[in-house]
């Protein structure tokens, strides 16, 4: 891990080189556009052809859907201890997200008019579940449970054709989340297109969530506007803000835990007031990297994006962390709660006994978080992402008369005579 001093030229170069955008390569976008057009034009026939081409699996259209009883059978192959943990995790996630439910409000005015905000669930949402090494049962729960809590009546799950057989725990997570009714064996950009436009077999949805590869991300951008999409997930990030009181072994373990995600582009940062702590953490990370998953790519991430950032004070440390606005921040200082209140991040983990892993694995809050500095303006996935809000305006004659002059004056100032007249016409002849 390199060591840089906050505010120095080396700090600025390192900060500028971090992954801050997940914009795909032009060839990825072109390929995704071609796939989306094919699915929109040909429907199920394109899904069958593209699944054979990209996944090497030949399916008849009738085999695209995975019946609930098949999900149940596959789930029975999962380790019972993992299934028990998933059920416990699901209860915690549900309990946390239930508190996010919006109820709307109404405001009755003295003249009898009524102003209201009505909150309703989306009619349908799509959940993309990646295959291969990226098939995580925990992410199934994190994406599906908020939609269920919001009251979305139909959640459509799409996943590459081999995912459920290769990863029975994913089938178990689908069952635990209660979203086994609409599951389809299709992945990639073609699955996103099917969710956006619908086919004879795959129903269209209003919003698409869930992680995927570069082609999935590109397809989401292409169909946005036809449907809503979630935020774009970039490589995992963690910043640990620590002073001399922190345990270097614990800090090193938490940095390595994020480096092992496997993209090779993860950002792991220690921001510290203690040069001694930084030196010891760097030594422990170097010693431990061989023991984590995806060790070769973890080494690449550490070489490219890892840093120990030296600051003169915790106040300066907060500024350094907030310049990153990362996915995860751990605060391992004296008085951590006071420091944490000023942090900008997707999720903040306070004190020595709150490693990021507890957030990843279901203590309650969602682990789908903004990356690439997006925490400055974006939020974790929540029940609110699966709800729509609309205003309802009910005016009495007295109420309209009360605001008419203001409406007419501003409409005229903006050059919209028709707007003004639509109000005035209701009082003509009086």
Protein backbone atom coordinates (compact mmCIF):
# COMPACT_ATOMS: atom_id res chain seq x y z
CA UNK A 1 0.00 0.00 0.00
CA UNK A 2 1.35 3.43 -0.90
CA UNK A 3 1.48 6.15 1.72
CA UNK A 4 0.43 9.70 0.81
CA UNK A 5 -0.03 12.86 2.81
CA UNK A 6 -3.45 14.44 2.56
CA UNK A 7 -3.42 17.55 0.36
CA UNK A 8 -0.10 16.71 -1.29
CA UNK A 9 0.45 16.32 -5.03
CA UNK A 10 0.67 12.54 -4.52
CA UNK A 11 -2.73 12.59 -2.77
CA UNK A 12 -4.27 14.54 -5.63
CA UNK A 13 -2.86 12.17 -8.25
CA UNK A 14 -4.07 9.12 -6.33
CA UNK A 15 -7.54 10.60 -5.80
CA UNK A 16 -7.86 11.51 -9.49
CA UNK A 17 -6.97 7.95 -10.50
CA UNK A 18 -9.69 6.19 -8.48
CA UNK A 19 -12.63 4.52 -10.27
CA UNK A 20 -15.23 7.31 -10.18
CA UNK A 21 -17.42 6.26 -13.08
CA UNK A 22 -18.65 2.95 -14.49
CA UNK A 23 -19.11 4.27 -18.04
CA UNK A 24 -18.67 1.24 -20.33
CA UNK A 25 -16.34 0.91 -23.26
CA UNK A 26 -17.91 1.96 -26.60
CA UNK A 27 -17.78 -1.61 -27.94
CA UNK A 28 -19.73 -2.83 -24.89
CA UNK A 29 -22.41 -0.19 -25.47
CA UNK A 30 -22.68 -1.08 -29.17
CA UNK A 31 -23.02 -4.79 -28.40
CA UNK A 32 -25.66 -4.11 -25.74
CA UNK A 33 -27.63 -1.87 -28.13
CA UNK A 34 -27.66 -4.67 -30.70
CA UNK A 35 -28.91 -7.17 -28.12
CA UNK A 36 -31.62 -4.84 -26.81
CA UNK A 37 -32.87 -4.18 -30.36
CA UNK A 38 -33.01 -7.90 -31.10
CA UNK A 39 -35.03 -8.71 -27.99
CA UNK A 40 -37.40 -5.81 -28.57
CA UNK A 41 -37.97 -6.95 -32.15
CA UNK A 42 -38.01 -10.74 -31.77
CA UNK A 43 -38.98 -11.38 -28.13
CA UNK A 44 -38.60 -14.97 -26.93
CA UNK A 45 -36.90 -16.07 -30.16
CA UNK A 46 -34.06 -13.64 -29.47
CA UNK A 47 -33.80 -14.77 -25.85
CA UNK A 48 -33.46 -18.41 -26.93
CA UNK A 49 -30.90 -17.58 -29.64
CA UNK A 50 -28.80 -15.28 -27.44
CA UNK A 51 -28.85 -17.72 -24.51
CA UNK A 52 -27.45 -20.41 -26.80
CA UNK A 53 -24.85 -17.98 -28.15
CA UNK A 54 -23.60 -16.47 -24.90
CA UNK A 55 -24.32 -19.19 -22.32
CA UNK A 56 -24.05 -22.33 -24.47
CA UNK A 57 -27.47 -23.48 -23.25
CA UNK A 58 -30.25 -24.37 -25.70
CA UNK A 59 -33.73 -23.77 -24.32
CA UNK A 60 -37.17 -23.87 -25.84
CA UNK A 61 -39.27 -20.81 -24.97
CA UNK A 62 -41.31 -22.98 -22.62
CA UNK A 63 -38.18 -23.69 -20.57
CA UNK A 64 -37.30 -20.03 -19.97
CA UNK A 65 -39.51 -19.92 -16.88
CA UNK A 66 -38.38 -21.86 -13.80
CA UNK A 67 -41.48 -23.25 -12.05
CA UNK A 68 -41.73 -22.66 -8.27
CA UNK A 69 -41.53 -26.40 -7.57
CA UNK A 70 -38.18 -26.53 -9.38
CA UNK A 71 -36.90 -23.63 -7.26
CA UNK A 72 -37.99 -25.56 -4.16
CA UNK A 73 -36.22 -28.71 -5.33
CA UNK A 74 -33.00 -26.83 -6.08
CA UNK A 75 -33.17 -25.02 -2.73
CA UNK A 76 -33.25 -28.37 -0.92
CA UNK A 77 -29.74 -29.01 -2.26
CA UNK A 78 -28.35 -26.01 -0.36
CA UNK A 79 -26.49 -26.44 2.94
CA UNK A 80 -29.20 -26.36 5.66
CA UNK A 81 -26.98 -24.22 7.86
CA UNK A 82 -26.69 -21.63 5.08
CA UNK A 83 -30.45 -21.70 4.57
CA UNK A 84 -30.99 -21.15 8.30
CA UNK A 85 -28.58 -18.18 8.20
CA UNK A 86 -30.40 -16.76 5.16
CA UNK A 87 -33.75 -16.98 6.97
CA UNK A 88 -32.32 -15.21 10.02
CA UNK A 89 -30.74 -12.59 7.79
CA UNK A 90 -34.04 -12.07 5.95
CA UNK A 91 -35.88 -11.38 9.22
CA UNK A 92 -33.33 -8.71 10.16
CA UNK A 93 -33.46 -7.07 6.74
CA UNK A 94 -37.26 -7.10 6.79
CA UNK A 95 -37.42 -5.56 10.27
CA UNK A 96 -35.10 -2.70 9.28
CA UNK A 97 -36.75 -1.95 5.95
CA UNK A 98 -40.27 -2.04 7.36
CA UNK A 99 -39.45 1.24 9.10
CA UNK A 100 -38.87 2.89 5.70
CA UNK A 101 -42.47 2.55 4.55
CA UNK A 102 -43.86 5.89 3.39
CA UNK A 103 -47.47 6.61 4.31
CA UNK A 104 -48.04 9.88 2.48
CA UNK A 105 -49.87 12.83 4.01
CA UNK A 106 -52.85 15.10 3.57
CA UNK A 107 -53.20 18.84 4.22
CA UNK A 108 -56.73 20.24 4.49
CA UNK A 109 -56.92 24.01 3.98
CA UNK A 110 -59.32 26.42 5.67
CA UNK A 111 -61.23 26.95 2.40
CA UNK A 112 -61.97 23.22 2.13
CA UNK A 113 -59.32 22.42 -0.47
CA UNK A 114 -57.21 19.31 0.06
CA UNK A 115 -53.55 18.78 -0.84
CA UNK A 116 -52.10 15.30 -0.49
CA UNK A 117 -49.20 13.06 -1.34
CA UNK A 118 -50.20 9.47 -2.07
CA UNK A 119 -47.59 6.69 -1.81
CA UNK A 120 -48.11 3.51 -3.87
CA UNK A 121 -45.93 0.50 -4.68
CA UNK A 122 -44.67 -0.01 -8.21
CA UNK A 123 -46.78 -2.49 -10.12
CA UNK A 124 -43.82 -4.70 -11.05
CA UNK A 125 -40.06 -4.78 -10.48
CA UNK A 126 -37.31 -6.88 -12.04
CA UNK A 127 -34.40 -8.36 -10.12
CA UNK A 128 -31.25 -9.30 -12.03
CA UNK A 129 -29.30 -12.08 -10.29
CA UNK A 130 -25.84 -12.60 -11.82
CA UNK A 131 -24.37 -16.05 -12.34
CA UNK A 132 -20.92 -17.53 -11.91
CA UNK A 133 -18.72 -16.13 -9.16
CA UNK A 134 -21.06 -13.11 -8.87
CA UNK A 135 -24.10 -15.13 -7.75
CA UNK A 136 -24.55 -14.02 -4.15
CA UNK A 137 -27.61 -15.19 -2.16
CA UNK A 138 -27.19 -12.22 0.20
CA UNK A 139 -27.77 -9.80 -2.70
CA UNK A 140 -30.98 -11.62 -3.64
CA UNK A 141 -32.34 -10.83 -0.18
CA UNK A 142 -31.08 -7.25 -0.19
CA UNK A 143 -32.78 -6.49 -3.51
CA UNK A 144 -35.96 -8.53 -3.11
CA UNK A 145 -36.99 -7.79 0.49
CA UNK A 146 -37.35 -3.99 0.12
CA UNK A 147 -39.60 -4.60 -2.90
CA UNK A 148 -41.70 -7.07 -0.93
CA UNK A 149 -41.96 -4.67 2.04
CA UNK A 150 -43.00 -1.87 -0.35
CA UNK A 151 -45.87 -4.05 -1.51
CA UNK A 152 -44.77 -4.61 -5.13
CA UNK A 153 -47.27 -7.24 -6.30
CA UNK A 154 -45.01 -8.82 -8.94
CA UNK A 155 -41.23 -9.26 -8.70
CA UNK A 156 -39.66 -10.89 -11.75
CA UNK A 157 -36.29 -12.60 -11.28
CA UNK A 158 -33.91 -13.17 -14.19
CA UNK A 159 -30.65 -15.08 -13.93
CA UNK A 160 -28.28 -16.88 -16.34
CA UNK A 161 -29.43 -20.41 -17.16
CA UNK A 162 -26.89 -22.29 -15.03
CA UNK A 163 -27.05 -20.11 -11.90
CA UNK A 164 -29.60 -21.99 -9.84
CA UNK A 165 -28.17 -25.44 -10.51
CA UNK A 166 -24.62 -24.27 -9.82
CA UNK A 167 -25.56 -22.24 -6.73
CA UNK A 168 -28.42 -23.89 -4.79
CA UNK A 169 -28.05 -21.22 -2.09
CA UNK A 170 -29.30 -18.67 -4.64
CA UNK A 171 -32.41 -20.80 -5.19
CA UNK A 172 -32.80 -20.96 -1.42
CA UNK A 173 -32.52 -17.17 -1.15
CA UNK A 174 -35.20 -16.73 -3.83
CA UNK A 175 -37.45 -19.04 -1.82
CA UNK A 176 -36.67 -17.32 1.50
CA UNK A 177 -37.46 -13.93 -0.07
CA UNK A 178 -40.76 -15.30 -1.39
CA UNK A 179 -40.11 -14.34 -5.03
CA UNK A 180 -40.19 -17.79 -6.65
CA UNK A 181 -43.33 -17.24 -8.74
CA UNK A 182 -41.70 -15.41 -11.69
CA UNK A 183 -38.15 -16.70 -12.23
CA UNK A 184 -36.58 -16.94 -15.70
CA UNK A 185 -33.43 -18.62 -17.04
CA UNK A 186 -32.03 -15.70 -18.99
CA UNK A 187 -29.11 -13.41 -18.24
CA UNK A 188 -27.00 -10.66 -19.73
CA UNK A 189 -28.18 -7.63 -21.65
CA UNK A 190 -30.93 -9.76 -23.19
CA UNK A 191 -32.51 -10.28 -19.76
CA UNK A 192 -32.54 -6.53 -19.11
CA UNK A 193 -34.19 -5.93 -22.49
CA UNK A 194 -36.82 -8.58 -21.76
CA UNK A 195 -37.68 -6.94 -18.43
CA UNK A 196 -37.89 -3.51 -20.05
CA UNK A 197 -40.03 -4.36 -23.07
CA UNK A 198 -41.58 -7.70 -22.18
CA UNK A 199 -41.82 -10.81 -24.35
CA UNK A 200 -44.49 -13.48 -24.72
CA UNK A 201 -42.90 -15.32 -21.76
CA UNK A 202 -41.16 -12.63 -19.67
CA UNK A 203 -43.45 -9.87 -18.34
CA UNK A 204 -42.36 -6.23 -18.52
CA UNK A 205 -41.63 -4.37 -15.28
CA UNK A 206 -41.42 -0.76 -14.10
CA UNK A 207 -37.97 -0.85 -12.48
CA UNK A 208 -34.89 -3.07 -12.79
CA UNK A 209 -32.47 -3.62 -9.89
CA UNK A 210 -29.59 -5.95 -9.17
CA UNK A 211 -25.87 -6.16 -10.03
CA UNK A 212 -24.45 -7.43 -13.30
CA UNK A 213 -21.48 -7.25 -15.63
CA UNK A 214 -20.57 -4.42 -18.00
CA UNK A 215 -23.11 -5.58 -20.61
CA UNK A 216 -25.90 -5.66 -18.05
CA UNK A 217 -24.95 -2.16 -16.87
CA UNK A 218 -24.87 -0.88 -20.46
CA UNK A 219 -28.27 -2.41 -21.22
CA UNK A 220 -29.72 -0.74 -18.13
CA UNK A 221 -28.56 2.64 -19.38
CA UNK A 222 -30.08 1.96 -22.80
CA UNK A 223 -33.54 1.04 -21.46
CA UNK A 224 -33.69 3.79 -18.85
CA UNK A 225 -36.70 5.90 -19.66
CA UNK A 226 -38.67 2.86 -20.76
CA UNK A 227 -38.18 1.67 -17.17
CA UNK A 228 -36.37 3.03 -14.13
CA UNK A 229 -33.10 1.41 -13.08
CA UNK A 230 -31.15 1.30 -9.85
CA UNK A 231 -27.80 3.01 -9.32
CA UNK A 232 -24.79 1.69 -11.20
CA UNK A 233 -22.62 -0.51 -9.01
CA UNK A 234 -18.89 0.05 -9.32
CA UNK A 235 -16.02 -1.75 -7.59
CA UNK A 236 -16.29 -2.12 -3.82
CA UNK A 237 -14.81 0.61 -1.62
CA UNK A 238 -13.88 0.99 2.03
CA UNK A 239 -12.20 3.82 3.89
CA UNK A 240 -11.15 3.30 7.50
CA UNK A 241 -10.70 6.47 9.55
CA UNK A 242 -8.49 5.58 12.50
CA UNK A 243 -6.30 7.12 15.15
CA UNK A 244 -3.55 5.55 17.26
CA UNK A 245 -6.15 3.75 19.41
CA UNK A 246 -7.16 1.41 16.56
CA UNK A 247 -6.02 -2.22 16.44
CA UNK A 248 -3.82 -2.56 13.32
CA UNK A 249 -4.76 -6.21 12.87
CA UNK A 250 -8.45 -5.39 12.79
CA UNK A 251 -7.91 -2.52 10.35
CA UNK A 252 -5.82 -4.71 8.03
CA UNK A 253 -8.43 -7.49 8.12
CA UNK A 254 -11.19 -5.06 7.13
CA UNK A 255 -9.15 -3.63 4.26
CA UNK A 256 -8.40 -7.12 2.95
CA UNK A 257 -12.07 -8.08 3.22
CA UNK A 258 -12.96 -5.44 0.64
CA UNK A 259 -9.94 -6.10 -1.59
CA UNK A 260 -11.03 -9.72 -2.08
CA UNK A 261 -14.23 -8.91 -3.99
CA UNK A 262 -12.51 -9.89 -7.21
CA UNK A 263 -12.71 -7.09 -9.76
CA UNK A 264 -9.15 -5.95 -9.16
CA UNK A 265 -10.39 -2.36 -9.02
CA UNK A 266 -11.50 -2.19 -5.38
CA UNK A 267 -10.54 0.89 -3.38
CA UNK A 268 -9.20 0.28 0.13
CA UNK A 269 -7.99 3.23 2.15
CA UNK A 270 -6.74 3.88 5.65
CA UNK A 271 -6.99 7.54 6.67
CA UNK A 272 -5.05 7.99 9.88
CA UNK A 273 -3.42 10.47 12.21
CA UNK A 274 -0.81 7.82 13.17
CA UNK A 275 2.12 7.07 10.88
CA UNK A 276 3.02 4.10 13.11
CA UNK A 277 -0.44 2.60 12.68
CA UNK A 278 -0.18 3.09 8.94
CA UNK A 279 3.16 1.30 8.70
CA UNK A 280 1.93 -1.67 10.72
CA UNK A 281 -1.32 -1.94 8.75
CA UNK A 282 0.62 -1.88 5.46
CA UNK A 283 2.84 -4.72 6.71
CA UNK A 284 -0.13 -6.81 7.85
CA UNK A 285 -2.01 -6.27 4.59
CA UNK A 286 1.03 -7.39 2.58
CA UNK A 287 1.38 -10.47 4.78
CA UNK A 288 -2.31 -11.36 4.63
CA UNK A 289 -3.25 -10.81 1.01
CA UNK A 290 -2.33 -14.35 0.03
CA UNK A 291 -5.01 -15.80 2.30
CA UNK A 292 -8.07 -13.94 0.93
CA UNK A 293 -10.33 -14.98 -1.92
CA UNK A 294 -9.29 -13.83 -5.40
CA UNK A 295 -5.75 -13.19 -4.11
CA UNK A 296 -4.25 -12.24 -7.47
CA UNK A 297 -6.93 -9.64 -8.15
CA UNK A 298 -6.76 -8.43 -4.55
CA UNK A 299 -3.04 -7.78 -5.09
CA UNK A 300 -3.89 -5.83 -8.25
CA UNK A 301 -6.43 -3.72 -6.37
CA UNK A 302 -3.93 -3.02 -3.60
CA UNK A 303 -1.29 -2.00 -6.14
CA UNK A 304 -3.64 0.24 -8.11
CA UNK A 305 -6.01 1.88 -5.66
CA UNK A 306 -4.98 1.18 -2.05
CA UNK A 307 -3.47 3.93 0.07
CA UNK A 308 -2.62 5.00 3.56
CA UNK A 309 -3.51 8.68 3.83
CA UNK A 310 -1.77 10.59 6.61
CA UNK A 311 -3.66 13.50 8.17
CA UNK A 312 -2.76 15.93 10.94
CA UNK A 313 -6.08 15.66 12.79
CA UNK A 314 -9.36 13.78 12.78
CA UNK A 315 -11.01 16.93 11.43
CA UNK A 316 -8.71 16.75 8.41
CA UNK A 317 -9.37 13.00 8.25
CA UNK A 318 -13.10 13.58 7.96
CA UNK A 319 -12.41 15.95 5.06
CA UNK A 320 -10.23 13.34 3.34
CA UNK A 321 -12.88 10.63 3.73
CA UNK A 322 -15.64 12.93 2.50
CA UNK A 323 -13.60 13.76 -0.59
CA UNK A 324 -13.87 10.06 -1.40
CA UNK A 325 -17.58 9.76 -0.40
CA UNK A 326 -17.05 6.00 -0.54
CA UNK A 327 -19.37 3.02 -0.37
CA UNK A 328 -18.31 2.05 3.17
CA UNK A 329 -16.55 3.95 5.95
CA UNK A 330 -15.38 2.49 9.24
CA UNK A 331 -14.66 4.89 12.11
CA UNK A 332 -12.13 3.39 14.51
CA UNK A 333 -11.19 6.32 16.71
CA UNK A 334 -11.73 7.56 20.23
CA UNK A 335 -15.26 8.93 20.46
CA UNK A 336 -16.26 7.30 17.15
CA UNK A 337 -19.96 8.25 17.30
CA UNK A 338 -19.13 11.94 17.39
CA UNK A 339 -16.78 11.59 14.42
CA UNK A 340 -19.21 9.42 12.43
CA UNK A 341 -21.92 12.09 12.42
CA UNK A 342 -19.84 14.15 9.97
CA UNK A 343 -19.02 11.35 7.52
CA UNK A 344 -20.42 11.16 3.97
CA UNK A 345 -20.67 7.55 2.78
CA UNK A 346 -23.08 4.90 1.58
CA UNK A 347 -22.90 3.25 4.99
CA UNK A 348 -20.94 4.17 8.12
CA UNK A 349 -19.70 1.54 10.59
CA UNK A 350 -18.98 2.99 14.01
CA UNK A 351 -16.45 1.63 16.49
CA UNK A 352 -14.10 -1.36 16.55
CA UNK A 353 -16.87 -3.99 16.64
CA UNK A 354 -18.66 -2.90 13.45
CA UNK A 355 -16.76 -4.35 10.47
CA UNK A 356 -18.29 -3.84 7.03
CA UNK A 357 -18.99 -7.58 6.84
CA UNK A 358 -21.92 -7.25 9.26
CA UNK A 359 -23.55 -4.88 6.79
CA UNK A 360 -22.82 -7.21 3.89
CA UNK A 361 -24.46 -10.12 5.65
CA UNK A 362 -27.71 -8.92 6.95
CA UNK A 363 -27.57 -7.11 10.26
CA UNK A 364 -30.43 -5.06 8.78
CA UNK A 365 -29.50 -2.08 6.54
CA UNK A 366 -29.14 -2.66 2.82
CA UNK A 367 -25.77 -3.53 1.34
CA UNK A 368 -26.67 -2.14 -2.10
CA UNK A 369 -24.84 1.18 -1.79
CA UNK A 370 -23.61 4.02 -4.02
CA UNK A 371 -20.00 3.73 -5.21
CA UNK A 372 -17.56 5.91 -7.13
CA UNK A 373 -18.23 8.97 -4.98
CA UNK A 374 -21.97 8.62 -5.48
CA UNK A 375 -22.67 8.84 -1.75
CA UNK A 376 -22.52 12.63 -2.15
CA UNK A 377 -25.95 12.51 -3.80
CA UNK A 378 -27.25 8.91 -3.74
CA UNK A 379 -28.56 6.59 -1.02
CA UNK A 380 -28.67 2.88 -0.21
CA UNK A 381 -31.34 0.78 -1.90
CA UNK A 382 -34.52 1.04 0.17
CA UNK A 383 -38.26 0.49 0.24
CA UNK A 384 -38.60 4.00 -1.20
CA UNK A 385 -36.98 2.81 -4.43
CA UNK A 386 -39.97 0.55 -5.02
CA UNK A 387 -42.63 3.16 -4.34
CA UNK A 388 -44.05 5.94 -6.44
CA UNK A 389 -45.41 9.19 -5.07
CA UNK A 390 -48.02 11.40 -6.64
CA UNK A 391 -49.63 14.64 -5.61
CA UNK A 392 -53.42 14.90 -5.36
CA UNK A 393 -54.94 18.41 -5.52
CA UNK A 394 -58.61 18.92 -4.70
CA UNK A 395 -59.70 22.59 -4.91
CA UNK A 396 -62.90 24.27 -3.86
CA UNK A 397 -64.17 27.39 -5.66
CA UNK A 398 -63.08 29.46 -2.69
CA UNK A 399 -59.67 27.85 -2.75
CA UNK A 400 -59.15 28.58 -6.44
CA UNK A 401 -60.27 32.20 -5.95
CA UNK A 402 -57.72 32.57 -3.15
CA UNK A 403 -54.75 31.65 -5.39
CA UNK A 404 -56.09 32.81 -8.78
CA UNK A 405 -54.41 36.21 -8.84
CA UNK A 406 -50.97 34.75 -8.06
CA UNK A 407 -51.34 32.02 -10.67
CA UNK A 408 -52.49 34.45 -13.37
CA UNK A 409 -49.71 36.97 -12.68
CA UNK A 410 -46.89 34.39 -12.77
CA UNK A 411 -48.34 32.60 -15.83
CA UNK A 412 -48.50 35.94 -17.68
CA UNK A 413 -44.93 36.75 -16.64
CA UNK A 414 -43.80 33.47 -18.15
CA UNK A 415 -45.73 34.14 -21.36
CA UNK A 416 -48.34 31.39 -20.90
CA UNK A 417 -51.62 33.13 -21.63
CA UNK A 418 -53.44 29.80 -21.88
CA UNK A 419 -52.44 28.88 -18.33
CA UNK A 420 -53.80 32.17 -17.05
CA UNK A 421 -57.00 31.84 -19.04
CA UNK A 422 -57.65 28.31 -17.74
CA UNK A 423 -58.02 29.90 -14.29
CA UNK A 424 -59.81 33.11 -15.34
CA UNK A 425 -62.43 31.27 -17.40
CA UNK A 426 -63.85 29.75 -14.25
CA UNK A 427 -64.79 33.20 -12.94
CA UNK A 428 -66.07 34.84 -16.16
CA UNK A 429 -69.55 36.32 -16.08
CA UNK A 430 -69.42 37.01 -12.35
